[in-house]
Amino acid sequence: TNTSAQGSGVDNAFGYPISNSQFVAGSKNNGGGIGPYPVAFTAFGR
């Protein structure tokens, strides 16, 4: 499910509950330009 959402802003929300690894990868793959999502979410993933 997370893979189909890759590259979308929603992917950040999907990646978090599914898996921390996928979640971090998803947020970075998202482009890293979503603003607070990649920054704050990356901290949670780590």
PDB file of N, CA and C in Angstrom:
ATOM      1  N   THR A   1       0.849  -1.197   0.000  1.00  0.00           N
ATOM      2  CA  THR A   1       0.000   0.000   0.000  1.00  0.00           C
ATOM      3  C   THR A   1       0.880   1.240   0.000  1.00  0.00           C
ATOM      4  N   ASN A   2       1.924   1.236   0.815  1.00  0.00           N
ATOM      5  CA  ASN A   2       2.795   2.402   0.910  1.00  0.00           C
ATOM      6  C   ASN A   2       3.492   2.666  -0.419  1.00  0.00           C
ATOM      7  N   THR A   3       3.834   1.600  -1.142  1.00  0.00           N
ATOM      8  CA  THR A   3       4.550   1.772  -2.402  1.00  0.00           C
ATOM      9  C   THR A   3       3.692   2.511  -3.419  1.00  0.00           C
ATOM     10  N   SER A   4       2.391   2.248  -3.440  1.00  0.00           N
ATOM     11  CA  SER A   4       1.539   2.922  -4.410  1.00  0.00           C
ATOM     12  C   SER A   4       1.401   4.399  -4.084  1.00  0.00           C
ATOM     13  N   ALA A   5       1.654   4.762  -2.841  1.00  0.00           N
ATOM     14  CA  ALA A   5       1.529   6.162  -2.439  1.00  0.00           C
ATOM     15  C   ALA A   5       2.863   6.897  -2.520  1.00  0.00           C
ATOM     16  N   GLN A   6       3.924   6.187  -2.907  1.00  0.00           N
ATOM     17  CA  GLN A   6       5.240   6.813  -2.993  1.00  0.00           C
ATOM     18  C   GLN A   6       5.190   8.037  -3.897  1.00  0.00           C
ATOM     19  N   GLY A   7       5.867   9.100  -3.470  1.00  0.00           N
ATOM     20  CA  GLY A   7       5.922  10.300  -4.286  1.00  0.00           C
ATOM     21  C   GLY A   7       4.747  11.218  -4.036  1.00  0.00           C
ATOM     22  N   SER A   8       3.889  10.853  -3.091  1.00  0.00           N
ATOM     23  CA  SER A   8       2.729  11.693  -2.784  1.00  0.00           C
ATOM     24  C   SER A   8       2.825  12.195  -1.350  1.00  0.00           C
ATOM     25  N   GLY A   9       2.227  13.365  -1.099  1.00  0.00           N
ATOM     26  CA  GLY A   9       2.270  13.927   0.247  1.00  0.00           C
ATOM     27  C   GLY A   9       1.632  13.004   1.262  1.00  0.00           C
ATOM     28  N   VAL A  10       0.668  12.217   0.808  1.00  0.00           N
ATOM     29  CA  VAL A  10      -0.022  11.297   1.709  1.00  0.00           C
ATOM     30  C   VAL A  10       0.904  10.158   2.121  1.00  0.00           C
ATOM     31  N   ASP A  11       1.936   9.924   1.326  1.00  0.00           N
ATOM     32  CA  ASP A  11       2.852   8.824   1.614  1.00  0.00           C
ATOM     33  C   ASP A  11       3.461   8.966   3.003  1.00  0.00           C
ATOM     34  N   ASN A  12       3.680  10.228   3.421  1.00  0.00           N
ATOM     35  CA  ASN A  12       4.247  10.444   4.746  1.00  0.00           C
ATOM     36  C   ASN A  12       3.336   9.871   5.824  1.00  0.00           C
ATOM     37  N   ALA A  13       2.041  10.094   5.666  1.00  0.00           N
ATOM     38  CA  ALA A  13       1.085   9.606   6.656  1.00  0.00           C
ATOM     39  C   ALA A  13       1.007   8.080   6.626  1.00  0.00           C
ATOM     40  N   PHE A  14       1.089   7.506   5.419  1.00  0.00           N
ATOM     41  CA  PHE A  14       1.017   6.053   5.297  1.00  0.00           C
ATOM     42  C   PHE A  14       2.280   5.392   5.835  1.00  0.00           C
ATOM     43  N   GLY A  15       3.418   5.984   5.535  1.00  0.00           N
ATOM     44  CA  GLY A  15       4.687   5.384   5.931  1.00  0.00           C
ATOM     45  C   GLY A  15       4.855   5.296   7.442  1.00  0.00           C
ATOM     46  N   TYR A  16       4.354   6.286   8.159  1.00  0.00           N
ATOM     47  CA  TYR A  16       4.550   6.316   9.607  1.00  0.00           C
ATOM     48  C   TYR A  16       3.948   5.110  10.321  1.00  0.00           C
ATOM     49  N   PRO A  17       2.639   4.860  10.141  1.00  0.00           N
ATOM     50  CA  PRO A  17       2.030   3.732  10.853  1.00  0.00           C
ATOM     51  C   PRO A  17       2.471   2.366  10.326  1.00  0.00           C
ATOM     52  N   ILE A  18       2.875   2.293   9.075  1.00  0.00           N
ATOM     53  CA  ILE A  18       3.256   1.006   8.488  1.00  0.00           C
ATOM     54  C   ILE A  18       4.608   0.545   9.038  1.00  0.00           C
ATOM     55  N   SER A  19       5.615   1.384   8.887  1.00  0.00           N
ATOM     56  CA  SER A  19       6.943   0.997   9.339  1.00  0.00           C
ATOM     57  C   SER A  19       7.837   2.224   9.416  1.00  0.00           C
ATOM     58  N   ASN A  20       8.686   2.295  10.411  1.00  0.00           N
ATOM     59  CA  ASN A  20       9.582   3.440  10.549  1.00  0.00           C
ATOM     60  C   ASN A  20      10.553   3.520   9.376  1.00  0.00           C
ATOM     61  N   SER A  21      11.049   2.368   8.925  1.00  0.00           N
ATOM     62  CA  SER A  21      11.987   2.355   7.814  1.00  0.00           C
ATOM     63  C   SER A  21      11.324   2.873   6.549  1.00  0.00           C
ATOM     64  N   GLN A  22      10.165   2.296   6.224  1.00  0.00           N
ATOM     65  CA  GLN A  22       9.422   2.716   5.048  1.00  0.00           C
ATOM     66  C   GLN A  22       9.011   4.173   5.178  1.00  0.00           C
ATOM     67  N   PHE A  23       8.720   4.564   6.389  1.00  0.00           N
ATOM     68  CA  PHE A  23       8.251   5.904   6.681  1.00  0.00           C
ATOM     69  C   PHE A  23       9.335   6.936   6.376  1.00  0.00           C
ATOM     70  N   VAL A  24      10.548   6.659   6.812  1.00  0.00           N
ATOM     71  CA  VAL A  24      11.662   7.571   6.548  1.00  0.00           C
ATOM     72  C   VAL A  24      11.957   7.614   5.056  1.00  0.00           C
ATOM     73  N   ALA A  25      11.984   6.417   4.425  1.00  0.00           N
ATOM     74  CA  ALA A  25      12.262   6.338   2.995  1.00  0.00           C
ATOM     75  C   ALA A  25      11.189   7.077   2.207  1.00  0.00           C
ATOM     76  N   GLY A  26       9.947   6.929   2.656  1.00  0.00           N
ATOM     77  CA  GLY A  26       8.841   7.566   1.955  1.00  0.00           C
ATOM     78  C   GLY A  26       8.918   9.077   2.035  1.00  0.00           C
ATOM     79  N   SER A  27       9.233   9.596   3.211  1.00  0.00           N
ATOM     80  CA  SER A  27       9.281  11.040   3.381  1.00  0.00           C
ATOM     81  C   SER A  27      10.410  11.635   2.543  1.00  0.00           C
ATOM     82  N   LYS A  28      11.565  10.949   2.502  1.00  0.00           N
ATOM     83  CA  LYS A  28      12.689  11.444   1.714  1.00  0.00           C
ATOM     84  C   LYS A  28      12.378  11.315   0.225  1.00  0.00           C
ATOM     85  N   ASN A  29      11.785  10.180  -0.168  1.00  0.00           N
ATOM     86  CA  ASN A  29      11.454   9.944  -1.564  1.00  0.00           C
ATOM     87  C   ASN A  29      10.404  10.934  -2.031  1.00  0.00           C
ATOM     88  N   ASN A  30       9.665  11.468  -1.082  1.00  0.00           N
ATOM     89  CA  ASN A  30       8.619  12.419  -1.393  1.00  0.00           C
ATOM     90  C   ASN A  30       9.202  13.664  -2.047  1.00  0.00           C
ATOM     91  N   GLY A  31      10.483  13.929  -1.860  1.00  0.00           N
ATOM     92  CA  GLY A  31      11.112  15.096  -2.452  1.00  0.00           C
ATOM     93  C   GLY A  31      11.749  15.958  -1.375  1.00  0.00           C
ATOM     94  N   GLY A  32      11.326  15.796  -0.136  1.00  0.00           N
ATOM     95  CA  GLY A  32      11.917  16.561   0.954  1.00  0.00           C
ATOM     96  C   GLY A  32      11.521  18.027   0.912  1.00  0.00           C
ATOM     97  N   GLY A  33      10.519  18.377   0.130  1.00  0.00           N
ATOM     98  CA  GLY A  33      10.117  19.775   0.016  1.00  0.00           C
ATOM     99  C   GLY A  33       8.719  20.000   0.551  1.00  0.00           C
ATOM    100  N   ILE A  34       8.220  19.077   1.350  1.00  0.00           N
ATOM    101  CA  ILE A  34       6.864  19.210   1.882  1.00  0.00           C
ATOM    102  C   ILE A  34       6.861  20.190   3.061  1.00  0.00           C
ATOM    103  N   GLY A  35       8.041  20.533   3.562  1.00  0.00           N
ATOM    104  CA  GLY A  35       8.140  21.503   4.645  1.00  0.00           C
ATOM    105  C   GLY A  35       8.346  20.815   5.979  1.00  0.00           C
ATOM    106  N   PRO A  36       7.377  20.903   6.893  1.00  0.00           N
ATOM    107  CA  PRO A  36       7.551  20.321   8.232  1.00  0.00           C
ATOM    108  C   PRO A  36       7.478  18.799   8.239  1.00  0.00           C
ATOM    109  N   TYR A  37       6.860  18.198   7.227  1.00  0.00           N
ATOM    110  CA  TYR A  37       6.704  16.738   7.222  1.00  0.00           C
ATOM    111  C   TYR A  37       8.040  16.007   7.209  1.00  0.00           C
ATOM    112  N   PRO A  38       8.903  16.254   6.197  1.00  0.00           N
ATOM    113  CA  PRO A  38      10.168  15.511   6.163  1.00  0.00           C
ATOM    114  C   PRO A  38      11.063  15.817   7.371  1.00  0.00           C
ATOM    115  N   VAL A  39      11.026  17.042   7.851  1.00  0.00           N
ATOM    116  CA  VAL A  39      11.900  17.428   8.963  1.00  0.00           C
ATOM    117  C   VAL A  39      11.460  16.751  10.258  1.00  0.00           C
ATOM    118  N   ALA A  40      10.219  16.990  10.655  1.00  0.00           N
ATOM    119  CA  ALA A  40       9.722  16.444  11.916  1.00  0.00           C
ATOM    120  C   ALA A  40       9.558  14.927  11.828  1.00  0.00           C
ATOM    121  N   PHE A  41       9.069  14.462  10.689  1.00  0.00           N
ATOM    122  CA  PHE A  41       8.810  13.029  10.541  1.00  0.00           C
ATOM    123  C   PHE A  41      10.115  12.240  10.519  1.00  0.00           C
ATOM    124  N   THR A  42      11.158  12.835   9.944  1.00  0.00           N
ATOM    125  CA  THR A  42      12.441  12.143   9.908  1.00  0.00           C
ATOM    126  C   THR A  42      12.942  11.914  11.337  1.00  0.00           C
ATOM    127  N   ALA A  43      12.719  12.878  12.202  1.00  0.00           N
ATOM    128  CA  ALA A  43      13.145  12.741  13.595  1.00  0.00           C
ATOM    129  C   ALA A  43      12.431  11.563  14.259  1.00  0.00           C
ATOM    130  N   PHE A  44      11.146  11.407  13.952  1.00  0.00           N
ATOM    131  CA  PHE A  44      10.387  10.285  14.502  1.00  0.00           C
ATOM    132  C   PHE A  44      10.911   8.965  13.948  1.00  0.00           C
ATOM    133  N   GLY A  45      11.239   8.948  12.677  1.00  0.00           N
ATOM    134  CA  GLY A  45      11.741   7.731  12.049  1.00  0.00           C
ATOM    135  C   GLY A  45      13.059   7.294  12.663  1.00  0.00           C
ATOM    136  N   ARG A  46      13.901   8.273  13.046  1.00  0.00           N
ATOM    137  CA  ARG A  46      15.187   7.937  13.602  1.00  0.00           C
ATOM    138  C   ARG A  46      15.011   7.506  15.043  1.00  0.00           C
TER     139      ARG A  46
END
